[in-house]
Amino acid sequence: MSYCRLLLTPRMTLLIVIGSLIYSVGLNQFIVPVGLYNGGFLGIAQLIRHFMESWFGISFGNTNIAGILYFILNIPLLAVSVKRFGKEFLAKTIYCVCWYSLFLTVVPIADHLLVDEHLTACVAGGVICGIGAGMTLLSGGSGGGEEILGLLLMQKHSNLSVGKVSAMLNIFIFGTCAVIFSISQAIYSVLFTGIVYYVLDKVHFQNIMLTMLIITKKQGLEKIIFEKVNRGVTKWNAYGAYRNEEREILMTVVSKSEFLQLRRLLLSLIHI
């Protein structure tokens, strides 16, 4: 079996494609028509789209150009990430970003309001987008954007996390919405984003984390852990009490699906 087939199984591909499509339908049919904004890099892309329309008079019709802008914003991050993260994680992320960008662009923005009430649009769009985003994360990849930026910054600043970086970006985006649009529009956008994250957590069962302890004689397993699941590792040198042989103890925190994947890989490497 080739490396590419191992990298993206039919199940992973299906989750990424269908999840990206569902997310794009929720955003373009419920959220964009009522003038609400997403968080993260997609929210930045939406703001750029607004400025291009209002400042330069460029009309995009029912095409959500934010999908293309989102792809462009991810290019420098993915270029920097090539040497920082494992090939598998990066390949899935690029795949997710491409499908997100494609569907956000080709799924038309509704030319009339499907729901008249902003709160109803937030709930409907948030649930649909949350299901879609959760499905793509089940593939083991990432939607790119603030997640990649957060991982990059974590390597240089230990006090940062993906959550903190996302929060800072969201404060900037929703603060900008409050200034150039209205406070109510910013509040509804925050509500929509909160619903997306809530539903995403329910769909994305991988958020259940486990502590994994590995005791081995084999050297360099921490590199495999980082490359395959992109998780940090704590390492100790130890000695077996019976034969006084040197051992390494590795501890990492992984999701349930990452645990199964990593366990299979490590067992095949150390021949247990």
Protein backbone atom coordinates (compact mmCIF):
# COMPACT_ATOMS: atom_id res chain seq x y z
CA MET A 1 0.00 0.00 0.00
CA SER A 2 1.38 3.39 -0.95
CA TYR A 3 2.14 6.15 1.54
CA CYS A 4 -0.57 8.39 0.04
CA ARG A 5 -3.25 5.76 0.55
CA LEU A 6 -2.16 5.34 4.16
CA LEU A 7 -2.18 9.10 4.59
CA LEU A 8 -5.75 9.73 3.48
CA THR A 9 -8.08 6.77 3.78
CA PRO A 10 -11.51 6.84 2.08
CA ARG A 11 -13.10 7.55 5.47
CA MET A 12 -10.81 10.54 6.11
CA THR A 13 -11.42 11.90 2.62
CA LEU A 14 -15.19 11.52 3.02
CA LEU A 15 -15.17 13.30 6.38
CA ILE A 16 -13.11 16.20 5.03
CA VAL A 17 -15.16 16.66 1.85
CA ILE A 18 -18.62 16.31 3.39
CA GLY A 19 -17.65 18.28 6.51
CA SER A 20 -16.27 21.16 4.44
CA LEU A 21 -19.41 21.19 2.29
CA ILE A 22 -21.75 21.22 5.31
CA TYR A 23 -19.77 24.04 6.92
CA SER A 24 -19.86 26.12 3.74
CA VAL A 25 -23.62 25.64 3.35
CA GLY A 26 -24.22 26.75 6.94
CA LEU A 27 -22.04 29.85 6.55
CA ASN A 28 -23.15 30.98 3.08
CA GLN A 29 -26.85 30.21 3.50
CA PHE A 30 -27.47 31.40 7.06
CA ILE A 31 -24.63 33.58 8.39
CA VAL A 32 -23.26 35.69 5.52
CA PRO A 33 -26.73 36.83 4.28
CA VAL A 34 -27.52 38.41 7.69
CA GLY A 35 -24.14 40.16 7.80
CA LEU A 36 -22.51 38.12 10.59
CA TYR A 37 -18.85 37.16 10.84
CA ASN A 38 -16.84 34.12 11.82
CA GLY A 39 -13.85 34.05 14.14
CA GLY A 40 -10.26 33.16 13.23
CA PHE A 41 -8.68 33.47 9.82
CA LEU A 42 -12.00 32.99 8.04
CA GLY A 43 -13.33 36.02 9.91
CA ILE A 44 -10.30 38.00 8.72
CA ALA A 45 -11.02 36.85 5.15
CA GLN A 46 -14.64 38.01 5.52
CA LEU A 47 -13.49 41.44 6.73
CA ILE A 48 -11.09 41.76 3.78
CA ARG A 49 -13.98 40.86 1.46
CA HIS A 50 -16.10 43.62 3.05
CA PHE A 51 -13.32 46.20 2.64
CA MET A 52 -12.80 45.21 -1.00
CA GLU A 53 -16.51 45.72 -1.67
CA SER A 54 -17.00 48.93 0.33
CA TRP A 55 -13.67 50.70 -0.28
CA PHE A 56 -12.91 49.64 -3.84
CA GLY A 57 -16.44 49.04 -5.10
CA ILE A 58 -15.70 45.48 -6.20
CA SER A 59 -18.84 43.38 -6.47
CA PHE A 60 -18.60 39.60 -6.07
CA GLY A 61 -22.32 38.90 -6.39
CA ASN A 62 -23.36 35.65 -4.73
CA THR A 63 -19.79 34.32 -4.67
CA ASN A 64 -18.14 34.24 -1.27
CA ILE A 65 -14.64 35.39 -2.20
CA ALA A 66 -13.69 34.83 1.46
CA GLY A 67 -12.98 31.20 0.52
CA ILE A 68 -10.21 32.24 -1.87
CA LEU A 69 -8.89 34.84 0.57
CA TYR A 70 -8.83 32.19 3.31
CA PHE A 71 -6.70 29.97 1.10
CA ILE A 72 -4.28 32.83 0.34
CA LEU A 73 -3.96 33.69 4.06
CA ASN A 74 -3.01 30.08 4.81
CA ILE A 75 -0.23 29.85 2.19
CA PRO A 76 2.55 31.54 4.24
CA LEU A 77 1.60 29.58 7.37
CA LEU A 78 1.69 26.26 5.53
CA ALA A 79 5.00 27.20 3.89
CA VAL A 80 6.58 27.88 7.30
CA SER A 81 5.04 24.71 8.73
CA VAL A 82 6.64 22.34 6.21
CA LYS A 83 9.76 21.85 8.36
CA ARG A 84 8.02 22.22 11.72
CA PHE A 85 5.29 19.55 11.70
CA GLY A 86 4.89 15.98 10.59
CA LYS A 87 4.12 15.31 6.93
CA GLU A 88 0.91 13.48 7.76
CA PHE A 89 -0.59 16.29 9.84
CA LEU A 90 0.48 18.91 7.31
CA ALA A 91 -0.87 16.97 4.31
CA LYS A 92 -4.29 16.54 5.95
CA THR A 93 -4.33 20.21 6.88
CA ILE A 94 -3.57 21.30 3.30
CA TYR A 95 -6.31 18.96 2.09
CA CYS A 96 -8.81 20.44 4.57
CA VAL A 97 -7.88 24.03 3.67
CA CYS A 98 -8.28 23.32 -0.06
CA TRP A 99 -11.75 21.81 0.34
CA TYR A 100 -12.89 24.55 2.73
CA SER A 101 -11.71 27.21 0.28
CA LEU A 102 -13.33 25.47 -2.69
CA PHE A 103 -16.77 24.96 -1.13
CA LEU A 104 -16.84 28.42 0.49
CA THR A 105 -16.31 29.83 -3.00
CA VAL A 106 -18.64 27.61 -5.06
CA VAL A 107 -21.54 27.36 -2.61
CA PRO A 108 -23.54 30.51 -3.43
CA ILE A 109 -24.54 33.05 -0.81
CA ALA A 110 -28.32 32.97 -0.38
CA ASP A 111 -29.88 35.84 -2.33
CA HIS A 112 -32.70 36.11 0.22
CA LEU A 113 -32.85 35.53 3.98
CA LEU A 114 -33.78 31.96 4.85
CA VAL A 115 -34.63 33.19 8.34
CA ASP A 116 -35.56 36.76 9.26
CA GLU A 117 -34.34 36.70 12.85
CA HIS A 118 -30.62 37.07 13.65
CA LEU A 119 -30.85 34.77 16.67
CA THR A 120 -32.46 32.01 14.60
CA ALA A 121 -29.77 32.42 11.94
CA CYS A 122 -27.06 32.16 14.63
CA VAL A 123 -28.49 28.93 16.00
CA ALA A 124 -29.21 27.30 12.63
CA GLY A 125 -25.92 28.37 11.06
CA GLY A 126 -23.94 27.58 14.21
CA VAL A 127 -25.30 24.04 14.47
CA ILE A 128 -24.71 23.30 10.78
CA CYS A 129 -21.21 24.82 10.76
CA GLY A 130 -20.32 23.04 14.02
CA ILE A 131 -21.30 19.67 12.58
CA GLY A 132 -19.27 20.34 9.44
CA ALA A 133 -16.17 21.54 11.32
CA GLY A 134 -16.39 18.59 13.71
CA MET A 135 -16.49 16.13 10.83
CA THR A 136 -13.34 17.57 9.25
CA LEU A 137 -11.49 17.38 12.59
CA LEU A 138 -12.50 13.72 12.92
CA SER A 139 -10.25 13.07 9.92
CA GLY A 140 -7.23 13.92 12.08
CA GLY A 141 -6.36 17.06 10.18
CA SER A 142 -6.82 20.74 10.88
CA GLY A 143 -8.71 23.60 9.30
CA GLY A 144 -5.49 25.61 9.22
CA GLY A 145 -5.49 29.32 10.00
CA GLU A 146 -5.37 30.14 13.70
CA GLU A 147 -4.69 26.50 14.62
CA ILE A 148 -1.45 26.44 12.62
CA LEU A 149 -0.50 29.91 13.85
CA GLY A 150 -1.08 28.81 17.43
CA LEU A 151 1.08 25.70 17.03
CA LEU A 152 3.88 27.75 15.49
CA LEU A 153 3.80 30.36 18.26
CA MET A 154 3.72 27.65 20.94
CA GLN A 155 7.14 26.46 19.81
CA LYS A 156 8.66 29.87 20.62
CA HIS A 157 6.43 31.02 23.46
CA SER A 158 5.54 28.32 26.00
CA ASN A 159 2.90 30.52 27.64
CA LEU A 160 0.81 30.58 24.45
CA SER A 161 -1.66 27.98 23.23
CA VAL A 162 -3.93 27.49 20.23
CA GLY A 163 -6.87 28.58 22.37
CA LYS A 164 -5.17 31.80 23.47
CA VAL A 165 -4.11 32.70 19.93
CA SER A 166 -7.65 32.05 18.64
CA ALA A 167 -9.09 34.17 21.44
CA MET A 168 -6.79 37.11 20.61
CA LEU A 169 -7.71 36.91 16.91
CA ASN A 170 -11.40 36.74 17.76
CA ILE A 171 -11.17 39.79 20.03
CA PHE A 172 -9.64 41.72 17.13
CA ILE A 173 -12.24 40.49 14.61
CA PHE A 174 -15.33 41.05 16.75
CA GLY A 175 -13.95 44.35 18.06
CA THR A 176 -13.56 45.49 14.45
CA CYS A 177 -17.14 44.40 13.73
CA ALA A 178 -18.37 46.44 16.70
CA VAL A 179 -16.53 49.54 15.46
CA ILE A 180 -17.30 49.48 11.73
CA PHE A 181 -20.75 47.84 11.89
CA SER A 182 -22.64 47.74 15.18
CA ILE A 183 -22.32 46.27 18.65
CA SER A 184 -25.36 44.05 18.09
CA GLN A 185 -23.78 42.62 14.92
CA ALA A 186 -20.60 41.85 16.85
CA ILE A 187 -22.58 40.20 19.68
CA TYR A 188 -24.52 38.00 17.26
CA SER A 189 -21.23 37.03 15.57
CA VAL A 190 -19.78 36.05 18.95
CA LEU A 191 -22.91 34.01 19.67
CA PHE A 192 -22.64 32.23 16.32
CA THR A 193 -18.97 31.38 16.93
CA GLY A 194 -19.77 30.09 20.43
CA ILE A 195 -22.49 27.79 19.07
CA VAL A 196 -20.08 26.48 16.41
CA TYR A 197 -17.47 25.61 19.06
CA TYR A 198 -20.08 23.98 21.32
CA VAL A 199 -21.48 21.75 18.56
CA LEU A 200 -17.96 21.02 17.27
CA ASP A 201 -16.97 19.71 20.72
CA LYS A 202 -19.98 17.40 20.76
CA VAL A 203 -19.21 16.00 17.30
CA HIS A 204 -15.46 15.93 17.73
CA PHE A 205 -15.10 13.14 20.29
CA GLN A 206 -11.31 13.35 19.94
CA ASN A 207 -11.41 16.19 22.48
CA ILE A 208 -11.47 13.51 25.18
CA MET A 209 -7.81 13.42 26.19
CA LEU A 210 -5.71 10.61 27.67
CA THR A 211 -2.31 10.54 29.36
CA MET A 212 -0.05 8.03 27.63
CA LEU A 213 3.03 6.65 29.42
CA ILE A 214 5.66 4.82 27.34
CA ILE A 215 8.56 2.87 28.90
CA THR A 216 11.08 1.69 26.32
CA LYS A 217 14.72 0.93 25.51
CA LYS A 218 14.34 2.31 21.98
CA GLN A 219 15.80 5.77 21.37
CA GLY A 220 14.10 8.61 19.51
CA LEU A 221 10.44 7.65 19.95
CA GLU A 222 9.60 11.22 21.00
CA LYS A 223 10.30 12.38 17.41
CA ILE A 224 7.77 9.89 16.09
CA ILE A 225 5.15 11.09 18.58
CA PHE A 226 5.62 14.69 17.49
CA GLU A 227 5.57 13.90 13.78
CA LYS A 228 2.54 11.59 13.86
CA VAL A 229 0.21 13.31 16.35
CA ASN A 230 1.95 16.67 16.85
CA ARG A 231 1.91 16.40 20.66
CA GLY A 232 4.49 17.49 23.19
CA VAL A 233 6.45 14.87 25.15
CA THR A 234 7.97 14.81 28.64
CA LYS A 235 10.98 12.51 28.87
CA TRP A 236 12.86 10.86 31.79
CA ASN A 237 15.85 8.54 31.97
CA ALA A 238 15.26 5.59 34.29
CA TYR A 239 16.65 2.15 35.23
CA GLY A 240 14.83 -1.15 35.56
CA ALA A 241 14.82 -2.35 39.17
CA TYR A 242 15.46 -6.02 38.34
CA ARG A 243 18.36 -5.85 35.85
CA ASN A 244 19.33 -2.20 36.34
CA GLU A 245 19.02 -1.66 32.58
CA GLU A 246 18.58 1.88 31.28
CA ARG A 247 15.14 2.86 30.08
CA GLU A 248 13.38 5.94 28.73
CA ILE A 249 10.01 7.05 30.08
CA LEU A 250 7.94 9.19 27.74
CA MET A 251 4.71 10.88 28.76
CA THR A 252 2.33 12.61 26.37
CA VAL A 253 -1.31 13.69 26.36
CA VAL A 254 -3.28 12.55 23.28
CA SER A 255 -6.86 12.20 22.09
CA LYS A 256 -8.63 8.84 22.08
CA SER A 257 -8.18 8.29 18.35
CA GLU A 258 -4.56 9.50 18.48
CA PHE A 259 -3.90 7.02 21.29
CA LEU A 260 -5.06 4.09 19.17
CA GLN A 261 -3.07 5.30 16.15
CA LEU A 262 0.08 5.91 18.19
CA ARG A 263 -0.20 2.64 20.10
CA ARG A 264 -0.39 0.62 16.86
CA LEU A 265 2.59 2.48 15.43
CA LEU A 266 4.77 2.12 18.54
CA LEU A 267 3.97 -1.57 18.93
CA SER A 268 5.04 -2.18 15.33
CA LEU A 269 8.30 -0.29 15.91
CA ILE A 270 9.40 -1.87 19.18
CA HIS A 271 8.09 -5.36 18.25
CA ILE A 272 6.15 -6.00 21.43
